[in-house]
């Protein structure tokens, strides 16, 4: 009898323990699992953001290094077009500089992966157009689609022919109140799509990519302004050298003329002495 009572007591205690401790813990497990899942997702997102940020910084340093390898204006523009187009996997990159009320294309780079090789360099942009004026006034890169009326105003004649799907416009500064544009174009049909997939964040041109383009454009502006200052300094040095050469030549001519006058004066004096002696 005592054994039965003891067994019943132990069973009641075990049931009480299960009801008090085990079952609440069992109900807490799904909540804990859900919270852990949220935390893991947050950590994965943070890790992805850090990885993307590191990739953007790597691209930024690489493009900036390539641009600043020389401070020759034409070389800077050419290197900027090649490196931006290649690094961001765009189809083509065009660099426009101001000329009166127009923006004239001074450099065009077409990706080797592009199916379209017709040059767009002869197309000039009107700085009075709303899209161009907005891009020139805005520091940040502007993304537009091929269906945009403002975009069709400039590239409408060959937009479908060349398969242009989207464009990014960003301002570059050459000097005070002198601004140009970098235009990145991307098409629908491109060779080597498998190779392109290896380039992260290239085709979507999201906020991170637009920020990268904006930062690179600022570095290009700095490089162009430095190239302009160096060119002006070299021009001043050349002018000073030419002036020094002219002064040296003039001094030599004055010395020669003075020596000639002195020689003629001496010869005239000697000749007069000979005549008067007779």
C-alpha atoms as a PDB file:
ATOM      1  CA  UNK A   1       0.000   0.000   0.000  1.00  0.00           C
ATOM      2  CA  UNK A   2       2.793   2.419   0.877  1.00  0.00           C
ATOM      3  CA  UNK A   3       4.502   1.550  -2.391  1.00  0.00           C
ATOM      4  CA  UNK A   4       1.371   2.445  -4.363  1.00  0.00           C
ATOM      5  CA  UNK A   5       1.039   5.745  -2.511  1.00  0.00           C
ATOM      6  CA  UNK A   6       4.703   6.501  -3.115  1.00  0.00           C
ATOM      7  CA  UNK A   7       4.383   5.688  -6.820  1.00  0.00           C
ATOM      8  CA  UNK A   8       1.304   7.876  -7.122  1.00  0.00           C
ATOM      9  CA  UNK A   9       3.103  10.704  -5.338  1.00  0.00           C
ATOM     10  CA  UNK A  10       6.133  10.424  -7.623  1.00  0.00           C
ATOM     11  CA  UNK A  11       3.854  10.369 -10.653  1.00  0.00           C
ATOM     12  CA  UNK A  12       2.039  13.480  -9.426  1.00  0.00           C
ATOM     13  CA  UNK A  13       5.332  15.261  -8.818  1.00  0.00           C
ATOM     14  CA  UNK A  14       6.579  14.321 -12.275  1.00  0.00           C
ATOM     15  CA  UNK A  15       3.323  15.558 -13.807  1.00  0.00           C
ATOM     16  CA  UNK A  16       3.578  18.797 -11.853  1.00  0.00           C
ATOM     17  CA  UNK A  17       7.159  19.322 -12.959  1.00  0.00           C
ATOM     18  CA  UNK A  18       6.174  18.716 -16.575  1.00  0.00           C
ATOM     19  CA  UNK A  19       3.258  21.125 -16.294  1.00  0.00           C
ATOM     20  CA  UNK A  20       5.311  23.816 -14.555  1.00  0.00           C
ATOM     21  CA  UNK A  21       8.643  23.627 -16.386  1.00  0.00           C
ATOM     22  CA  UNK A  22       8.634  21.426 -19.468  1.00  0.00           C
ATOM     23  CA  UNK A  23       5.414  22.453 -21.198  1.00  0.00           C
ATOM     24  CA  UNK A  24       6.047  26.246 -20.938  1.00  0.00           C
ATOM     25  CA  UNK A  25       9.523  25.654 -22.340  1.00  0.00           C
ATOM     26  CA  UNK A  26       8.011  23.661 -25.160  1.00  0.00           C
ATOM     27  CA  UNK A  27       5.690  26.571 -25.978  1.00  0.00           C
ATOM     28  CA  UNK A  28       8.638  28.981 -25.859  1.00  0.00           C
ATOM     29  CA  UNK A  29      10.666  26.995 -28.395  1.00  0.00           C
ATOM     30  CA  UNK A  30       8.790  28.214 -31.522  1.00  0.00           C
ATOM     31  CA  UNK A  31       9.053  31.802 -30.314  1.00  0.00           C
ATOM     32  CA  UNK A  32      12.745  31.357 -29.600  1.00  0.00           C
ATOM     33  CA  UNK A  33      13.268  29.687 -32.975  1.00  0.00           C
ATOM     34  CA  UNK A  34      11.465  32.559 -34.702  1.00  0.00           C
ATOM     35  CA  UNK A  35      13.557  35.152 -32.853  1.00  0.00           C
ATOM     36  CA  UNK A  36      16.733  33.281 -33.745  1.00  0.00           C
ATOM     37  CA  UNK A  37      15.627  33.135 -37.363  1.00  0.00           C
ATOM     38  CA  UNK A  38      15.058  36.901 -37.366  1.00  0.00           C
ATOM     39  CA  UNK A  39      18.453  37.492 -35.759  1.00  0.00           C
ATOM     40  CA  UNK A  40      20.170  35.216 -38.282  1.00  0.00           C
ATOM     41  CA  UNK A  41      18.442  37.032 -41.141  1.00  0.00           C
ATOM     42  CA  UNK A  42      19.523  40.384 -39.728  1.00  0.00           C
ATOM     43  CA  UNK A  43      23.105  39.178 -39.430  1.00  0.00           C
ATOM     44  CA  UNK A  44      23.026  37.812 -42.989  1.00  0.00           C
ATOM     45  CA  UNK A  45      21.673  41.136 -44.257  1.00  0.00           C
ATOM     46  CA  UNK A  46      24.333  43.026 -42.324  1.00  0.00           C
ATOM     47  CA  UNK A  47      27.012  40.695 -43.692  1.00  0.00           C
ATOM     48  CA  UNK A  48      25.701  41.161 -47.234  1.00  0.00           C
ATOM     49  CA  UNK A  49      25.641  44.957 -46.786  1.00  0.00           C
ATOM     50  CA  UNK A  50      29.215  44.904 -45.511  1.00  0.00           C
ATOM     51  CA  UNK A  51      30.276  42.685 -48.396  1.00  0.00           C
ATOM     52  CA  UNK A  52      28.553  44.978 -50.913  1.00  0.00           C
ATOM     53  CA  UNK A  53      30.096  48.041 -49.274  1.00  0.00           C
ATOM     54  CA  UNK A  54      33.523  46.449 -49.411  1.00  0.00           C
ATOM     55  CA  UNK A  55      33.000  45.559 -53.068  1.00  0.00           C
ATOM     56  CA  UNK A  56      31.909  49.117 -53.833  1.00  0.00           C
ATOM     57  CA  UNK A  57      34.968  50.517 -52.060  1.00  0.00           C
ATOM     58  CA  UNK A  58      37.207  48.096 -53.966  1.00  0.00           C
ATOM     59  CA  UNK A  59      35.681  49.207 -57.258  1.00  0.00           C
ATOM     60  CA  UNK A  60      35.966  52.861 -56.224  1.00  0.00           C
ATOM     61  CA  UNK A  61      39.651  52.536 -55.319  1.00  0.00           C
ATOM     62  CA  UNK A  62      40.399  50.635 -58.515  1.00  0.00           C
ATOM     63  CA  UNK A  63      38.662  53.142 -60.814  1.00  0.00           C
ATOM     64  CA  UNK A  64      40.180  56.109 -58.972  1.00  0.00           C
ATOM     65  CA  UNK A  65      43.656  54.575 -59.200  1.00  0.00           C
ATOM     66  CA  UNK A  66      43.293  54.001 -62.934  1.00  0.00           C
ATOM     67  CA  UNK A  67      42.033  57.544 -63.495  1.00  0.00           C
ATOM     68  CA  UNK A  68      44.791  59.180 -61.450  1.00  0.00           C
ATOM     69  CA  UNK A  69      47.647  57.291 -63.087  1.00  0.00           C
ATOM     70  CA  UNK A  70      48.179  60.399 -65.181  1.00  0.00           C
ATOM     71  CA  UNK A  71      46.915  63.965 -65.069  1.00  0.00           C
ATOM     72  CA  UNK A  72      46.683  64.469 -68.804  1.00  0.00           C
ATOM     73  CA  UNK A  73      43.146  65.621 -69.618  1.00  0.00           C
ATOM     74  CA  UNK A  74      42.553  63.349 -72.613  1.00  0.00           C
ATOM     75  CA  UNK A  75      44.064  60.356 -70.839  1.00  0.00           C
ATOM     76  CA  UNK A  76      41.907  60.947 -67.743  1.00  0.00           C
ATOM     77  CA  UNK A  77      38.743  61.091 -69.847  1.00  0.00           C
ATOM     78  CA  UNK A  78      39.644  57.974 -71.822  1.00  0.00           C
ATOM     79  CA  UNK A  79      40.612  56.002 -68.708  1.00  0.00           C
ATOM     80  CA  UNK A  80      37.405  57.085 -66.942  1.00  0.00           C
ATOM     81  CA  UNK A  81      35.211  55.893 -69.824  1.00  0.00           C
ATOM     82  CA  UNK A  82      36.977  52.526 -70.074  1.00  0.00           C
ATOM     83  CA  UNK A  83      37.150  51.751 -66.356  1.00  0.00           C
ATOM     84  CA  UNK A  84      33.588  52.846 -65.516  1.00  0.00           C
ATOM     85  CA  UNK A  85      32.119  50.913 -68.432  1.00  0.00           C
ATOM     86  CA  UNK A  86      34.174  47.796 -67.686  1.00  0.00           C
ATOM     87  CA  UNK A  87      33.812  47.787 -63.895  1.00  0.00           C
ATOM     88  CA  UNK A  88      30.070  48.462 -63.890  1.00  0.00           C
ATOM     89  CA  UNK A  89      29.432  46.172 -66.900  1.00  0.00           C
ATOM     90  CA  UNK A  90      27.708  48.881 -68.906  1.00  0.00           C
ATOM     91  CA  UNK A  91      27.262  48.533 -72.648  1.00  0.00           C
ATOM     92  CA  UNK A  92      28.892  51.844 -73.479  1.00  0.00           C
ATOM     93  CA  UNK A  93      30.130  55.009 -71.808  1.00  0.00           C
ATOM     94  CA  UNK A  94      30.136  58.475 -73.353  1.00  0.00           C
ATOM     95  CA  UNK A  95      31.847  61.565 -71.953  1.00  0.00           C
ATOM     96  CA  UNK A  96      30.437  64.963 -72.917  1.00  0.00           C
ATOM     97  CA  UNK A  97      32.137  68.333 -72.469  1.00  0.00           C
ATOM     98  CA  UNK A  98      30.544  71.773 -72.942  1.00  0.00           C
ATOM     99  CA  UNK A  99      30.773  73.618 -76.220  1.00  0.00           C
ATOM    100  CA  UNK A 100      28.660  76.778 -76.369  1.00  0.00           C
ATOM    101  CA  UNK A 101      25.050  75.644 -75.667  1.00  0.00           C
ATOM    102  CA  UNK A 102      25.788  72.067 -76.651  1.00  0.00           C
ATOM    103  CA  UNK A 103      27.511  69.147 -75.012  1.00  0.00           C
ATOM    104  CA  UNK A 104      29.894  67.473 -77.438  1.00  0.00           C
ATOM    105  CA  UNK A 105      30.979  63.854 -76.997  1.00  0.00           C
ATOM    106  CA  UNK A 106      34.761  63.779 -76.661  1.00  0.00           C
ATOM    107  CA  UNK A 107      35.119  60.085 -75.795  1.00  0.00           C
ATOM    108  CA  UNK A 108      33.084  56.932 -76.363  1.00  0.00           C
ATOM    109  CA  UNK A 109      33.905  53.439 -75.155  1.00  0.00           C
ATOM    110  CA  UNK A 110      31.847  50.443 -76.287  1.00  0.00           C
ATOM    111  CA  UNK A 111      32.078  47.242 -74.255  1.00  0.00           C
ATOM    112  CA  UNK A 112      33.546  44.237 -76.102  1.00  0.00           C
ATOM    113  CA  UNK A 113      30.466  42.318 -74.894  1.00  0.00           C
ATOM    114  CA  UNK A 114      28.090  44.640 -76.736  1.00  0.00           C
ATOM    115  CA  UNK A 115      26.249  43.424 -79.793  1.00  0.00           C
ATOM    116  CA  UNK A 116      25.948  46.974 -81.095  1.00  0.00           C
ATOM    117  CA  UNK A 117      29.005  48.801 -82.356  1.00  0.00           C
ATOM    118  CA  UNK A 118      27.420  51.815 -84.067  1.00  0.00           C
ATOM    119  CA  UNK A 119      29.055  54.943 -82.701  1.00  0.00           C
ATOM    120  CA  UNK A 120      26.915  57.517 -80.876  1.00  0.00           C
ATOM    121  CA  UNK A 121      29.748  60.025 -80.667  1.00  0.00           C
ATOM    122  CA  UNK A 122      28.237  62.369 -83.250  1.00  0.00           C
ATOM    123  CA  UNK A 123      25.117  62.927 -81.138  1.00  0.00           C
ATOM    124  CA  UNK A 124      25.289  66.252 -79.321  1.00  0.00           C
ATOM    125  CA  UNK A 125      23.223  67.025 -76.242  1.00  0.00           C
ATOM    126  CA  UNK A 126      21.403  70.309 -75.931  1.00  0.00           C
ATOM    127  CA  UNK A 127      22.128  71.860 -72.541  1.00  0.00           C
ATOM    128  CA  UNK A 128      18.716  73.552 -72.613  1.00  0.00           C
ATOM    129  CA  UNK A 129      16.852  70.231 -72.618  1.00  0.00           C
ATOM    130  CA  UNK A 130      15.168  69.517 -69.307  1.00  0.00           C
ATOM    131  CA  UNK A 131      16.892  66.170 -68.731  1.00  0.00           C
ATOM    132  CA  UNK A 132      20.357  67.511 -69.579  1.00  0.00           C
ATOM    133  CA  UNK A 133      19.814  70.645 -67.517  1.00  0.00           C
ATOM    134  CA  UNK A 134      18.595  68.575 -64.556  1.00  0.00           C
ATOM    135  CA  UNK A 135      21.645  66.322 -64.793  1.00  0.00           C
ATOM    136  CA  UNK A 136      23.966  69.344 -64.969  1.00  0.00           C
ATOM    137  CA  UNK A 137      22.379  70.904 -61.897  1.00  0.00           C
ATOM    138  CA  UNK A 138      22.167  67.710 -59.841  1.00  0.00           C
ATOM    139  CA  UNK A 139      25.299  66.387 -58.157  1.00  0.00           C
ATOM    140  CA  UNK A 140      23.926  62.839 -57.894  1.00  0.00           C
ATOM    141  CA  UNK A 141      23.691  60.330 -60.711  1.00  0.00           C
ATOM    142  CA  UNK A 142      20.302  60.120 -62.463  1.00  0.00           C
ATOM    143  CA  UNK A 143      18.907  56.831 -63.761  1.00  0.00           C
ATOM    144  CA  UNK A 144      16.347  56.843 -66.587  1.00  0.00           C
ATOM    145  CA  UNK A 145      14.713  54.203 -68.776  1.00  0.00           C
ATOM    146  CA  UNK A 146      14.553  54.094 -72.542  1.00  0.00           C
ATOM    147  CA  UNK A 147      10.844  54.857 -72.430  1.00  0.00           C
ATOM    148  CA  UNK A 148      11.435  58.221 -70.785  1.00  0.00           C
ATOM    149  CA  UNK A 149      10.327  61.049 -73.078  1.00  0.00           C
ATOM    150  CA  UNK A 150      13.362  63.151 -72.133  1.00  0.00           C
ATOM    151  CA  UNK A 151      15.651  60.258 -72.981  1.00  0.00           C
ATOM    152  CA  UNK A 152      13.953  59.671 -76.319  1.00  0.00           C
ATOM    153  CA  UNK A 153      14.425  63.352 -77.130  1.00  0.00           C
ATOM    154  CA  UNK A 154      18.193  62.783 -77.307  1.00  0.00           C
ATOM    155  CA  UNK A 155      18.549  59.134 -78.286  1.00  0.00           C
ATOM    156  CA  UNK A 156      15.117  58.298 -79.664  1.00  0.00           C
ATOM    157  CA  UNK A 157      16.259  57.858 -83.264  1.00  0.00           C
ATOM    158  CA  UNK A 158      18.573  54.984 -82.377  1.00  0.00           C
ATOM    159  CA  UNK A 159      17.220  53.853 -79.005  1.00  0.00           C
ATOM    160  CA  UNK A 160      15.456  50.759 -80.347  1.00  0.00           C
ATOM    161  CA  UNK A 161      17.959  50.211 -83.123  1.00  0.00           C
ATOM    162  CA  UNK A 162      20.809  49.936 -80.634  1.00  0.00           C
ATOM    163  CA  UNK A 163      18.734  48.110 -78.020  1.00  0.00           C
ATOM    164  CA  UNK A 164      19.269  50.730 -75.319  1.00  0.00           C
ATOM    165  CA  UNK A 165      17.239  49.851 -72.222  1.00  0.00           C
ATOM    166  CA  UNK A 166      18.461  52.255 -69.539  1.00  0.00           C
ATOM    167  CA  UNK A 167      20.884  55.095 -68.982  1.00  0.00           C
ATOM    168  CA  UNK A 168      22.647  56.829 -66.123  1.00  0.00           C
ATOM    169  CA  UNK A 169      23.699  60.479 -66.337  1.00  0.00           C
ATOM    170  CA  UNK A 170      26.119  62.055 -63.892  1.00  0.00           C
ATOM    171  CA  UNK A 171      27.740  65.468 -63.858  1.00  0.00           C
ATOM    172  CA  UNK A 172      31.471  66.141 -63.982  1.00  0.00           C
ATOM    173  CA  UNK A 173      33.031  69.546 -63.340  1.00  0.00           C
ATOM    174  CA  UNK A 174      35.868  70.817 -65.503  1.00  0.00           C
ATOM    175  CA  UNK A 175      36.146  74.313 -64.056  1.00  0.00           C
ATOM    176  CA  UNK A 176      33.978  76.905 -62.332  1.00  0.00           C
ATOM    177  CA  UNK A 177      30.551  76.941 -63.999  1.00  0.00           C
ATOM    178  CA  UNK A 178      31.769  74.482 -66.634  1.00  0.00           C
ATOM    179  CA  UNK A 179      30.182  71.071 -66.363  1.00  0.00           C
ATOM    180  CA  UNK A 180      30.102  68.010 -68.564  1.00  0.00           C
ATOM    181  CA  UNK A 181      28.265  64.707 -68.421  1.00  0.00           C
ATOM    182  CA  UNK A 182      29.099  61.038 -68.257  1.00  0.00           C
ATOM    183  CA  UNK A 183      26.391  58.906 -69.867  1.00  0.00           C
ATOM    184  CA  UNK A 184      26.270  55.163 -69.216  1.00  0.00           C
ATOM    185  CA  UNK A 185      24.053  53.116 -71.518  1.00  0.00           C
ATOM    186  CA  UNK A 186      22.875  49.555 -71.072  1.00  0.00           C
ATOM    187  CA  UNK A 187      21.034  47.418 -73.613  1.00  0.00           C
ATOM    188  CA  UNK A 188      18.822  44.346 -73.458  1.00  0.00           C
ATOM    189  CA  UNK A 189      20.833  42.124 -75.773  1.00  0.00           C
ATOM    190  CA  UNK A 190      24.442  41.611 -74.871  1.00  0.00           C
ATOM    191  CA  UNK A 191      26.882  38.864 -75.682  1.00  0.00           C
ATOM    192  CA  UNK A 192      28.502  36.962 -72.881  1.00  0.00           C
ATOM    193  CA  UNK A 193      25.634  37.127 -70.409  1.00  0.00           C
ATOM    194  CA  UNK A 194      27.297  34.397 -68.345  1.00  0.00           C
ATOM    195  CA  UNK A 195      30.430  36.484 -67.994  1.00  0.00           C
ATOM    196  CA  UNK A 196      28.331  39.480 -66.995  1.00  0.00           C
ATOM    197  CA  UNK A 197      26.698  37.597 -64.119  1.00  0.00           C
ATOM    198  CA  UNK A 198      30.072  37.446 -62.423  1.00  0.00           C
ATOM    199  CA  UNK A 199      29.984  41.207 -61.984  1.00  0.00           C
ATOM    200  CA  UNK A 200      27.907  41.953 -58.907  1.00  0.00           C
ATOM    201  CA  UNK A 201      25.423  44.851 -58.853  1.00  0.00           C
ATOM    202  CA  UNK A 202      26.111  45.780 -62.446  1.00  0.00           C
ATOM    203  CA  UNK A 203      22.858  45.487 -64.355  1.00  0.00           C
ATOM    204  CA  UNK A 204      20.366  46.670 -61.755  1.00  0.00           C
ATOM    205  CA  UNK A 205      22.140  49.990 -61.189  1.00  0.00           C
ATOM    206  CA  UNK A 206      20.598  50.329 -57.758  1.00  0.00           C
ATOM    207  CA  UNK A 207      21.209  52.966 -55.119  1.00  0.00           C
ATOM    208  CA  UNK A 208      24.639  51.578 -54.206  1.00  0.00           C
ATOM    209  CA  UNK A 209      25.802  51.605 -57.819  1.00  0.00           C
ATOM    210  CA  UNK A 210      24.435  55.117 -58.398  1.00  0.00           C
ATOM    211  CA  UNK A 211      26.264  56.310 -55.281  1.00  0.00           C
ATOM    212  CA  UNK A 212      29.450  54.716 -56.588  1.00  0.00           C
ATOM    213  CA  UNK A 213      29.014  56.454 -59.963  1.00  0.00           C
ATOM    214  CA  UNK A 214      28.471  59.781 -58.186  1.00  0.00           C
ATOM    215  CA  UNK A 215      31.624  59.366 -56.079  1.00  0.00           C
ATOM    216  CA  UNK A 216      33.670  58.331 -59.119  1.00  0.00           C
ATOM    217  CA  UNK A 217      32.379  61.358 -61.039  1.00  0.00           C
ATOM    218  CA  UNK A 218      33.637  63.613 -58.238  1.00  0.00           C
ATOM    219  CA  UNK A 219      37.078  62.024 -58.466  1.00  0.00           C
ATOM    220  CA  UNK A 220      37.042  62.492 -62.235  1.00  0.00           C
ATOM    221  CA  UNK A 221      36.130  66.153 -61.722  1.00  0.00           C
ATOM    222  CA  UNK A 222      39.037  66.591 -59.313  1.00  0.00           C
ATOM    223  CA  UNK A 223      41.428  64.891 -61.748  1.00  0.00           C
ATOM    224  CA  UNK A 224      40.200  67.050 -64.653  1.00  0.00           C
ATOM    225  CA  UNK A 225      40.532  70.245 -62.622  1.00  0.00           C
ATOM    226  CA  UNK A 226      44.044  69.254 -61.562  1.00  0.00           C
ATOM    227  CA  UNK A 227      44.872  68.434 -65.187  1.00  0.00           C
ATOM    228  CA  UNK A 228      43.537  71.854 -66.186  1.00  0.00           C
ATOM    229  CA  UNK A 229      45.660  73.585 -63.540  1.00  0.00           C
ATOM    230  CA  UNK A 230      48.733  71.596 -64.590  1.00  0.00           C
ATOM    231  CA  UNK A 231      48.045  72.447 -68.237  1.00  0.00           C
ATOM    232  CA  UNK A 232      47.706  76.137 -67.396  1.00  0.00           C
ATOM    233  CA  UNK A 233      50.916  76.001 -65.357  1.00  0.00           C
ATOM    234  CA  UNK A 234      52.742  74.258 -68.191  1.00  0.00           C
ATOM    235  CA  UNK A 235      51.424  76.907 -70.592  1.00  0.00           C
ATOM    236  CA  UNK A 236      52.692  79.682 -68.309  1.00  0.00           C
ATOM    237  CA  UNK A 237      56.068  77.956 -68.023  1.00  0.00           C
ATOM    238  CA  UNK A 238      56.210  77.639 -71.815  1.00  0.00           C
ATOM    239  CA  UNK A 239      55.282  81.305 -72.249  1.00  0.00           C
ATOM    240  CA  UNK A 240      57.924  82.348 -69.708  1.00  0.00           C
ATOM    241  CA  UNK A 241      60.488  80.198 -71.502  1.00  0.00           C
ATOM    242  CA  UNK A 242      59.567  81.785 -74.815  1.00  0.00           C
ATOM    243  CA  UNK A 243      59.785  85.253 -73.253  1.00  0.00           C
ATOM    244  CA  UNK A 244      63.179  84.388 -71.767  1.00  0.00           C
ATOM    245  CA  UNK A 245      64.367  83.154 -75.154  1.00  0.00           C
ATOM    246  CA  UNK A 246      63.084  86.339 -76.784  1.00  0.00           C
ATOM    247  CA  UNK A 247      64.819  88.492 -74.155  1.00  0.00           C
ATOM    248  CA  UNK A 248      68.035  86.530 -74.560  1.00  0.00           C
ATOM    249  CA  UNK A 249      67.861  86.925 -78.331  1.00  0.00           C
ATOM    250  CA  UNK A 250      67.091  90.634 -77.995  1.00  0.00           C
ATOM    251  CA  UNK A 251      70.027  91.039 -75.579  1.00  0.00           C
ATOM    252  CA  UNK A 252      72.327  89.270 -78.024  1.00  0.00           C
ATOM    253  CA  UNK A 253      71.098  91.456 -80.864  1.00  0.00           C
ATOM    254  CA  UNK A 254      71.653  94.594 -78.743  1.00  0.00           C
ATOM    255  CA  UNK A 255      75.144  93.432 -77.825  1.00  0.00           C
ATOM    256  CA  UNK A 256      75.878  92.652 -81.475  1.00  0.00           C
ATOM    257  CA  UNK A 257      74.540  96.063 -82.548  1.00  0.00           C
ATOM    258  CA  UNK A 258      76.610  97.806 -79.857  1.00  0.00           C
ATOM    259  CA  UNK A 259      79.722  95.894 -80.904  1.00  0.00           C
ATOM    260  CA  UNK A 260      79.002  96.731 -84.527  1.00  0.00           C
ATOM    261  CA  UNK A 261      78.619 100.430 -83.710  1.00  0.00           C
ATOM    262  CA  UNK A 262      81.786 100.399 -81.664  1.00  0.00           C
ATOM    263  CA  UNK A 263      83.650  98.647 -84.482  1.00  0.00           C
ATOM    264  CA  UNK A 264      82.386 101.145 -87.046  1.00  0.00           C
ATOM    265  CA  UNK A 265      83.277 104.034 -84.759  1.00  0.00           C
ATOM    266  CA  UNK A 266      86.826 102.725 -84.306  1.00  0.00           C
ATOM    267  CA  UNK A 267      87.236 102.076 -88.030  1.00  0.00           C
ATOM    268  CA  UNK A 268      85.885 105.537 -88.838  1.00  0.00           C
ATOM    269  CA  UNK A 269      88.303 107.122 -86.367  1.00  0.00           C
ATOM    270  CA  UNK A 270      91.257 105.183 -87.757  1.00  0.00           C
ATOM    271  CA  UNK A 271      90.343 106.051 -91.326  1.00  0.00           C
ATOM    272  CA  UNK A 272      90.025 109.748 -90.463  1.00  0.00           C
ATOM    273  CA  UNK A 273      93.451 109.685 -88.814  1.00  0.00           C
ATOM    274  CA  UNK A 274      94.951 108.183 -91.968  1.00  0.00           C
ATOM    275  CA  UNK A 275      93.307 110.784 -94.191  1.00  0.00           C
ATOM    276  CA  UNK A 276      94.267 113.717 -91.952  1.00  0.00           C
ATOM    277  CA  UNK A 277      97.832 112.454 -91.630  1.00  0.00           C
ATOM    278  CA  UNK A 278      98.234 112.841 -95.410  1.00  0.00           C
END
